[in-house]
Amino acid sequence: MAGNDIYLEIVGVGKAMRVAAVDAVTGEEVVFQVPEKTSRVEIERLAIAKLRWKQDKDAKKKRPGSKPGRGIQV
């Protein structure tokens, strides 16, 4: 993921901030909340970590082979 742009949307919600982070290349999105006093640097670090976690998790779910589905091919 190094070198990819990440779009951040930060919206205040009470005493917290709702953060939506989108990877510009893959379109993967994560949404999380942080306290309102969290620094921009920390928000960016969290966004990168959460996007990496989601991409790793999704990569493990993918099935080997070219055809989706279940069953035995005869």
N, C-alpha and C. Protein backbone atom coordinates (compact mmCIF):
# COMPACT_ATOMS: atom_id res chain seq x y z
N MET A 1 0.81 -1.19 0.00
CA MET A 1 0.00 0.00 0.00
C MET A 1 0.86 1.25 0.00
N ALA A 2 2.12 1.12 0.09
CA ALA A 2 3.01 2.27 0.13
C ALA A 2 2.88 3.07 -1.16
N GLY A 3 2.76 4.37 -1.04
CA GLY A 3 2.68 5.23 -2.21
C GLY A 3 1.26 5.51 -2.66
N ASN A 4 0.27 4.78 -2.12
CA ASN A 4 -1.11 5.01 -2.50
C ASN A 4 -1.66 6.21 -1.75
N ASP A 5 -2.55 6.94 -2.43
CA ASP A 5 -3.22 8.06 -1.78
C ASP A 5 -4.39 7.54 -0.97
N ILE A 6 -4.67 8.23 0.13
CA ILE A 6 -5.81 7.90 0.97
C ILE A 6 -6.63 9.17 1.14
N TYR A 7 -7.92 9.06 0.85
CA TYR A 7 -8.82 10.19 1.05
C TYR A 7 -9.44 10.06 2.42
N LEU A 8 -9.42 11.16 3.18
CA LEU A 8 -9.99 11.18 4.52
C LEU A 8 -11.17 12.14 4.57
N GLU A 9 -12.23 11.71 5.24
CA GLU A 9 -13.36 12.59 5.53
C GLU A 9 -13.51 12.57 7.05
N ILE A 10 -13.39 13.73 7.67
CA ILE A 10 -13.46 13.83 9.12
C ILE A 10 -14.63 14.74 9.48
N VAL A 11 -15.58 14.18 10.25
CA VAL A 11 -16.78 14.92 10.63
C VAL A 11 -16.93 14.87 12.14
N GLY A 12 -17.16 16.03 12.75
CA GLY A 12 -17.38 16.08 14.19
C GLY A 12 -18.75 15.53 14.56
N VAL A 13 -18.77 14.65 15.57
CA VAL A 13 -20.02 14.07 16.06
C VAL A 13 -19.95 14.14 17.58
N GLY A 14 -20.56 15.15 18.15
CA GLY A 14 -20.48 15.32 19.60
C GLY A 14 -19.05 15.56 20.03
N LYS A 15 -18.56 14.76 20.97
CA LYS A 15 -17.18 14.88 21.43
C LYS A 15 -16.25 13.90 20.75
N ALA A 16 -16.65 13.44 19.59
CA ALA A 16 -15.84 12.50 18.82
C ALA A 16 -15.78 12.98 17.37
N MET A 17 -14.95 12.32 16.59
CA MET A 17 -14.87 12.60 15.15
C MET A 17 -15.06 11.28 14.42
N ARG A 18 -15.92 11.31 13.41
CA ARG A 18 -16.13 10.14 12.56
C ARG A 18 -15.17 10.28 11.39
N VAL A 19 -14.36 9.26 11.16
CA VAL A 19 -13.36 9.29 10.09
C VAL A 19 -13.69 8.21 9.07
N ALA A 20 -13.79 8.61 7.83
CA ALA A 20 -13.92 7.66 6.72
C ALA A 20 -12.65 7.78 5.90
N ALA A 21 -11.99 6.65 5.67
CA ALA A 21 -10.74 6.63 4.91
C ALA A 21 -10.93 5.71 3.71
N VAL A 22 -10.58 6.21 2.51
CA VAL A 22 -10.74 5.45 1.27
C VAL A 22 -9.40 5.38 0.55
N ASP A 23 -8.99 4.17 0.19
CA ASP A 23 -7.78 3.98 -0.60
C ASP A 23 -8.09 4.38 -2.03
N ALA A 24 -7.34 5.31 -2.59
CA ALA A 24 -7.62 5.85 -3.93
C ALA A 24 -7.47 4.82 -5.03
N VAL A 25 -6.60 3.84 -4.86
CA VAL A 25 -6.34 2.85 -5.90
C VAL A 25 -7.37 1.72 -5.86
N THR A 26 -7.60 1.16 -4.68
CA THR A 26 -8.47 -0.02 -4.58
C THR A 26 -9.92 0.33 -4.30
N GLY A 27 -10.17 1.51 -3.74
CA GLY A 27 -11.54 1.88 -3.39
C GLY A 27 -12.00 1.30 -2.06
N GLU A 28 -11.12 0.60 -1.34
CA GLU A 28 -11.46 0.05 -0.03
C GLU A 28 -11.74 1.19 0.94
N GLU A 29 -12.75 1.00 1.80
CA GLU A 29 -13.12 2.05 2.75
C GLU A 29 -13.21 1.48 4.16
N VAL A 30 -12.73 2.25 5.12
CA VAL A 30 -12.92 1.94 6.53
C VAL A 30 -13.48 3.18 7.21
N VAL A 31 -14.31 2.95 8.22
CA VAL A 31 -14.90 4.04 8.98
C VAL A 31 -14.66 3.75 10.45
N PHE A 32 -14.22 4.77 11.18
CA PHE A 32 -13.96 4.60 12.60
C PHE A 32 -14.14 5.94 13.30
N GLN A 33 -14.20 5.90 14.63
CA GLN A 33 -14.35 7.11 15.42
C GLN A 33 -13.15 7.29 16.33
N VAL A 34 -12.81 8.55 16.55
CA VAL A 34 -11.71 8.90 17.45
C VAL A 34 -12.16 10.06 18.33
N PRO A 35 -11.52 10.25 19.49
CA PRO A 35 -11.83 11.43 20.31
C PRO A 35 -11.53 12.72 19.54
N GLU A 36 -12.26 13.78 19.87
CA GLU A 36 -12.13 15.03 19.11
C GLU A 36 -10.74 15.66 19.21
N LYS A 37 -9.96 15.33 20.22
CA LYS A 37 -8.62 15.92 20.37
C LYS A 37 -7.52 15.11 19.72
N THR A 38 -7.88 14.07 18.96
CA THR A 38 -6.88 13.25 18.28
C THR A 38 -6.20 14.05 17.18
N SER A 39 -4.88 13.96 17.10
CA SER A 39 -4.14 14.74 16.10
C SER A 39 -4.32 14.17 14.70
N ARG A 40 -4.11 15.01 13.71
CA ARG A 40 -4.23 14.60 12.31
C ARG A 40 -3.23 13.48 11.98
N VAL A 41 -2.04 13.56 12.52
CA VAL A 41 -1.01 12.54 12.29
C VAL A 41 -1.49 11.19 12.81
N GLU A 42 -2.07 11.18 14.00
CA GLU A 42 -2.56 9.94 14.59
C GLU A 42 -3.74 9.38 13.78
N ILE A 43 -4.62 10.25 13.31
CA ILE A 43 -5.75 9.81 12.48
C ILE A 43 -5.23 9.16 11.19
N GLU A 44 -4.25 9.79 10.57
CA GLU A 44 -3.68 9.22 9.33
C GLU A 44 -3.02 7.87 9.60
N ARG A 45 -2.31 7.74 10.71
CA ARG A 45 -1.66 6.48 11.07
C ARG A 45 -2.70 5.38 11.28
N LEU A 46 -3.78 5.73 11.99
CA LEU A 46 -4.86 4.77 12.22
C LEU A 46 -5.54 4.36 10.91
N ALA A 47 -5.76 5.32 10.03
CA ALA A 47 -6.41 5.04 8.75
C ALA A 47 -5.57 4.07 7.92
N ILE A 48 -4.27 4.29 7.86
CA ILE A 48 -3.38 3.40 7.10
C ILE A 48 -3.40 1.99 7.72
N ALA A 49 -3.32 1.92 9.04
CA ALA A 49 -3.30 0.61 9.71
C ALA A 49 -4.61 -0.13 9.48
N LYS A 50 -5.74 0.56 9.56
CA LYS A 50 -7.04 -0.09 9.38
C LYS A 50 -7.25 -0.53 7.93
N LEU A 51 -6.80 0.29 6.97
CA LEU A 51 -6.91 -0.11 5.57
C LEU A 51 -6.05 -1.34 5.27
N ARG A 52 -4.84 -1.38 5.81
CA ARG A 52 -3.98 -2.55 5.63
C ARG A 52 -4.61 -3.79 6.23
N TRP A 53 -5.18 -3.64 7.44
CA TRP A 53 -5.82 -4.76 8.11
C TRP A 53 -6.98 -5.29 7.26
N LYS A 54 -7.80 -4.39 6.73
CA LYS A 54 -8.95 -4.82 5.93
C LYS A 54 -8.50 -5.50 4.64
N GLN A 55 -7.48 -4.97 3.99
CA GLN A 55 -7.00 -5.57 2.75
C GLN A 55 -6.38 -6.94 3.02
N ASP A 56 -5.66 -7.09 4.13
CA ASP A 56 -5.10 -8.40 4.49
C ASP A 56 -6.21 -9.40 4.79
N LYS A 57 -7.23 -8.95 5.52
CA LYS A 57 -8.36 -9.81 5.86
C LYS A 57 -9.10 -10.25 4.60
N ASP A 58 -9.34 -9.32 3.68
CA ASP A 58 -10.04 -9.65 2.44
C ASP A 58 -9.21 -10.57 1.55
N ALA A 59 -7.90 -10.41 1.57
CA ALA A 59 -7.02 -11.27 0.75
C ALA A 59 -7.07 -12.71 1.24
N LYS A 60 -7.22 -12.91 2.55
CA LYS A 60 -7.28 -14.26 3.10
C LYS A 60 -8.60 -14.94 2.76
N LYS A 61 -9.66 -14.17 2.51
CA LYS A 61 -10.97 -14.73 2.21
C LYS A 61 -11.07 -15.25 0.77
N LYS A 62 -10.25 -14.71 -0.12
CA LYS A 62 -10.36 -15.07 -1.53
C LYS A 62 -10.03 -16.54 -1.74
N ARG A 63 -10.83 -17.16 -2.55
CA ARG A 63 -10.65 -18.58 -2.84
C ARG A 63 -9.64 -18.77 -3.95
N PRO A 64 -8.86 -19.82 -3.87
CA PRO A 64 -7.95 -20.11 -4.98
C PRO A 64 -8.74 -20.61 -6.18
N GLY A 65 -8.20 -20.41 -7.35
CA GLY A 65 -8.90 -20.85 -8.56
C GLY A 65 -9.66 -19.72 -9.21
N SER A 66 -10.22 -20.00 -10.37
CA SER A 66 -10.87 -18.94 -11.13
C SER A 66 -12.37 -18.89 -10.96
N LYS A 67 -13.00 -19.97 -10.46
CA LYS A 67 -14.46 -20.00 -10.37
C LYS A 67 -14.91 -19.88 -8.92
N PRO A 68 -15.87 -18.98 -8.67
CA PRO A 68 -16.41 -18.88 -7.33
C PRO A 68 -17.44 -19.98 -7.10
N GLY A 69 -17.80 -20.20 -5.85
CA GLY A 69 -18.87 -21.14 -5.56
C GLY A 69 -18.39 -22.35 -4.79
N ARG A 70 -19.33 -23.27 -4.60
CA ARG A 70 -19.05 -24.46 -3.82
C ARG A 70 -19.25 -25.69 -4.68
N GLY A 71 -18.91 -26.80 -4.12
CA GLY A 71 -19.18 -28.05 -4.79
C GLY A 71 -17.94 -28.66 -5.42
N ILE A 72 -18.18 -29.78 -6.04
CA ILE A 72 -17.09 -30.53 -6.66
C ILE A 72 -17.30 -30.50 -8.18
N GLN A 73 -16.28 -30.17 -8.89
CA GLN A 73 -16.36 -30.15 -10.33
C GLN A 73 -16.08 -31.56 -10.85
N VAL A 74 -17.00 -32.12 -11.63
CA VAL A 74 -16.88 -33.49 -12.11
C VAL A 74 -16.60 -33.50 -13.60
